[in-house]
């Protein structure tokens, strides 16, 4: 996307689904930015994660790989290996700090054929 506009969303002003509050936007490209304002880890069970559901012309709604973050102690060896095998489409992603101090990562997703 060219000439991106920074959107700041304060807690309580985004959309909420479960434990995650977010803002998603898209352009005329298959790229989008997602700003997660808060994510709460589970006390018991899986690592903190984000679900994504994708759809497009000629594609039914489908669930993408769950996004989890490197360093979460609840990531199993199996999850890490599956992510490694998936390469850029793997769901275990590293976080880096942006110039604005916010944590960020890149997560590639794809629609599976019908």
C-alpha atoms as a PDB file:
ATOM      1  CA  UNK A   1       0.000   0.000   0.000  1.00  0.00           C
ATOM      2  CA  UNK A   2       1.274   3.444  -0.737  1.00  0.00           C
ATOM      3  CA  UNK A   3       0.629   6.514   1.394  1.00  0.00           C
ATOM      4  CA  UNK A   4      -0.597   4.505   4.359  1.00  0.00           C
ATOM      5  CA  UNK A   5      -2.427   6.424   7.039  1.00  0.00           C
ATOM      6  CA  UNK A   6      -1.643   5.614  10.646  1.00  0.00           C
ATOM      7  CA  UNK A   7      -4.768   4.832  12.638  1.00  0.00           C
ATOM      8  CA  UNK A   8      -4.572   4.973  16.428  1.00  0.00           C
ATOM      9  CA  UNK A   9      -7.357   3.168  18.244  1.00  0.00           C
ATOM     10  CA  UNK A  10      -7.610   3.441  22.018  1.00  0.00           C
ATOM     11  CA  UNK A  11      -8.741   0.433  24.077  1.00  0.00           C
ATOM     12  CA  UNK A  12     -12.515   0.186  23.913  1.00  0.00           C
ATOM     13  CA  UNK A  13     -12.761   1.883  20.497  1.00  0.00           C
ATOM     14  CA  UNK A  14     -11.945  -1.106  18.277  1.00  0.00           C
ATOM     15  CA  UNK A  15     -13.936  -4.253  17.536  1.00  0.00           C
ATOM     16  CA  UNK A  16     -13.926  -6.975  20.186  1.00  0.00           C
ATOM     17  CA  UNK A  17     -14.089 -10.697  19.578  1.00  0.00           C
ATOM     18  CA  UNK A  18     -13.372 -12.876  22.596  1.00  0.00           C
ATOM     19  CA  UNK A  19     -10.174 -11.753  24.302  1.00  0.00           C
ATOM     20  CA  UNK A  20      -8.935  -9.660  21.364  1.00  0.00           C
ATOM     21  CA  UNK A  21      -9.728  -6.120  20.414  1.00  0.00           C
ATOM     22  CA  UNK A  22      -8.654  -5.179  16.893  1.00  0.00           C
ATOM     23  CA  UNK A  23      -8.847  -2.906  13.913  1.00  0.00           C
ATOM     24  CA  UNK A  24      -8.523  -4.348  10.403  1.00  0.00           C
ATOM     25  CA  UNK A  25      -8.464  -2.469   7.152  1.00  0.00           C
ATOM     26  CA  UNK A  26      -7.828  -3.421   3.567  1.00  0.00           C
ATOM     27  CA  UNK A  27      -7.033  -1.672   0.330  1.00  0.00           C
ATOM     28  CA  UNK A  28      -7.259  -2.630  -3.330  1.00  0.00           C
ATOM     29  CA  UNK A  29      -4.431  -5.103  -2.739  1.00  0.00           C
ATOM     30  CA  UNK A  30      -4.479  -8.430  -0.904  1.00  0.00           C
ATOM     31  CA  UNK A  31      -2.600  -6.766   1.983  1.00  0.00           C
ATOM     32  CA  UNK A  32      -4.056  -5.368   5.172  1.00  0.00           C
ATOM     33  CA  UNK A  33      -2.945  -4.017   8.493  1.00  0.00           C
ATOM     34  CA  UNK A  34      -4.343  -5.333  11.724  1.00  0.00           C
ATOM     35  CA  UNK A  35      -3.755  -3.482  14.953  1.00  0.00           C
ATOM     36  CA  UNK A  36      -4.340  -5.642  18.011  1.00  0.00           C
ATOM     37  CA  UNK A  37      -4.954  -3.360  20.935  1.00  0.00           C
ATOM     38  CA  UNK A  38      -5.043  -6.072  23.612  1.00  0.00           C
ATOM     39  CA  UNK A  39      -4.626  -9.826  23.713  1.00  0.00           C
ATOM     40  CA  UNK A  40      -5.051 -11.780  26.916  1.00  0.00           C
ATOM     41  CA  UNK A  41      -3.251 -15.104  27.388  1.00  0.00           C
ATOM     42  CA  UNK A  42      -5.188 -18.141  28.550  1.00  0.00           C
ATOM     43  CA  UNK A  43      -4.567 -19.150  32.171  1.00  0.00           C
ATOM     44  CA  UNK A  44      -4.685 -22.823  31.202  1.00  0.00           C
ATOM     45  CA  UNK A  45      -4.413 -24.319  27.764  1.00  0.00           C
ATOM     46  CA  UNK A  46      -2.930 -22.983  24.544  1.00  0.00           C
ATOM     47  CA  UNK A  47      -0.610 -20.000  24.096  1.00  0.00           C
ATOM     48  CA  UNK A  48      -2.111 -16.557  23.509  1.00  0.00           C
ATOM     49  CA  UNK A  49      -3.252 -16.666  19.891  1.00  0.00           C
ATOM     50  CA  UNK A  50      -5.318 -14.914  17.244  1.00  0.00           C
ATOM     51  CA  UNK A  51      -7.718 -16.657  14.856  1.00  0.00           C
ATOM     52  CA  UNK A  52      -8.185 -15.376  11.305  1.00  0.00           C
ATOM     53  CA  UNK A  53     -10.996 -16.251   8.942  1.00  0.00           C
ATOM     54  CA  UNK A  54     -10.521 -15.576   5.243  1.00  0.00           C
ATOM     55  CA  UNK A  55     -12.870 -15.464   2.292  1.00  0.00           C
ATOM     56  CA  UNK A  56     -12.845 -14.132  -1.214  1.00  0.00           C
ATOM     57  CA  UNK A  57     -14.617 -14.424  -4.545  1.00  0.00           C
ATOM     58  CA  UNK A  58     -15.118 -18.128  -5.255  1.00  0.00           C
ATOM     59  CA  UNK A  59     -13.720 -19.169  -1.854  1.00  0.00           C
ATOM     60  CA  UNK A  60     -15.832 -20.219   1.115  1.00  0.00           C
ATOM     61  CA  UNK A  61     -14.957 -18.844   4.561  1.00  0.00           C
ATOM     62  CA  UNK A  62     -11.962 -20.726   5.928  1.00  0.00           C
ATOM     63  CA  UNK A  63      -9.773 -20.531   9.007  1.00  0.00           C
ATOM     64  CA  UNK A  64      -6.140 -19.545   8.531  1.00  0.00           C
ATOM     65  CA  UNK A  65      -3.282 -20.728  10.723  1.00  0.00           C
ATOM     66  CA  UNK A  66      -3.510 -19.327  14.256  1.00  0.00           C
ATOM     67  CA  UNK A  67      -1.060 -16.520  14.976  1.00  0.00           C
ATOM     68  CA  UNK A  68       1.092 -17.030  18.087  1.00  0.00           C
ATOM     69  CA  UNK A  69       4.206 -15.156  19.131  1.00  0.00           C
ATOM     70  CA  UNK A  70       7.766 -16.460  19.500  1.00  0.00           C
ATOM     71  CA  UNK A  71       8.790 -16.648  23.119  1.00  0.00           C
ATOM     72  CA  UNK A  72       5.427 -17.756  24.513  1.00  0.00           C
ATOM     73  CA  UNK A  73       6.340 -20.623  26.858  1.00  0.00           C
ATOM     74  CA  UNK A  74       3.133 -22.465  25.933  1.00  0.00           C
ATOM     75  CA  UNK A  75       4.231 -23.015  22.304  1.00  0.00           C
ATOM     76  CA  UNK A  76       4.707 -26.759  21.921  1.00  0.00           C
ATOM     77  CA  UNK A  77       7.528 -28.357  19.947  1.00  0.00           C
ATOM     78  CA  UNK A  78       4.877 -29.616  17.493  1.00  0.00           C
ATOM     79  CA  UNK A  79       3.517 -26.083  16.931  1.00  0.00           C
ATOM     80  CA  UNK A  80       7.024 -24.706  16.384  1.00  0.00           C
ATOM     81  CA  UNK A  81       7.905 -27.493  13.920  1.00  0.00           C
ATOM     82  CA  UNK A  82       4.637 -27.114  11.966  1.00  0.00           C
ATOM     83  CA  UNK A  83       5.264 -23.368  11.702  1.00  0.00           C
ATOM     84  CA  UNK A  84       8.841 -23.959  10.549  1.00  0.00           C
ATOM     85  CA  UNK A  85       7.658 -26.373   7.819  1.00  0.00           C
ATOM     86  CA  UNK A  86       5.059 -23.822   6.630  1.00  0.00           C
ATOM     87  CA  UNK A  87       7.767 -21.179   6.116  1.00  0.00           C
ATOM     88  CA  UNK A  88       6.355 -17.689   5.632  1.00  0.00           C
ATOM     89  CA  UNK A  89       2.835 -19.054   6.191  1.00  0.00           C
ATOM     90  CA  UNK A  90       3.728 -20.489   9.612  1.00  0.00           C
ATOM     91  CA  UNK A  91       1.781 -19.168  12.569  1.00  0.00           C
ATOM     92  CA  UNK A  92       4.595 -18.776  15.126  1.00  0.00           C
ATOM     93  CA  UNK A  93       5.896 -15.273  14.403  1.00  0.00           C
ATOM     94  CA  UNK A  94       8.562 -13.076  16.004  1.00  0.00           C
ATOM     95  CA  UNK A  95       7.703  -9.655  17.373  1.00  0.00           C
ATOM     96  CA  UNK A  96       9.793  -6.528  16.831  1.00  0.00           C
ATOM     97  CA  UNK A  97       9.374  -2.996  18.160  1.00  0.00           C
ATOM     98  CA  UNK A  98       8.412  -0.382  15.597  1.00  0.00           C
ATOM     99  CA  UNK A  99       9.675   3.198  15.603  1.00  0.00           C
ATOM    100  CA  UNK A 100       6.527   4.152  17.518  1.00  0.00           C
ATOM    101  CA  UNK A 101       7.344   1.621  20.267  1.00  0.00           C
ATOM    102  CA  UNK A 102       4.487  -0.734  19.343  1.00  0.00           C
ATOM    103  CA  UNK A 103       5.137  -4.455  18.940  1.00  0.00           C
ATOM    104  CA  UNK A 104       4.637  -5.694  15.381  1.00  0.00           C
ATOM    105  CA  UNK A 105       5.009  -8.766  13.201  1.00  0.00           C
ATOM    106  CA  UNK A 106       4.384  -9.916   9.657  1.00  0.00           C
ATOM    107  CA  UNK A 107       2.021 -12.836   9.139  1.00  0.00           C
ATOM    108  CA  UNK A 108       1.315 -14.168   5.640  1.00  0.00           C
ATOM    109  CA  UNK A 109      -1.952 -15.983   4.968  1.00  0.00           C
ATOM    110  CA  UNK A 110      -3.429 -17.630   1.890  1.00  0.00           C
ATOM    111  CA  UNK A 111      -6.788 -18.878   0.701  1.00  0.00           C
ATOM    112  CA  UNK A 112      -6.832 -22.583  -0.023  1.00  0.00           C
ATOM    113  CA  UNK A 113      -8.367 -23.644  -3.341  1.00  0.00           C
ATOM    114  CA  UNK A 114     -11.924 -25.016  -3.289  1.00  0.00           C
END
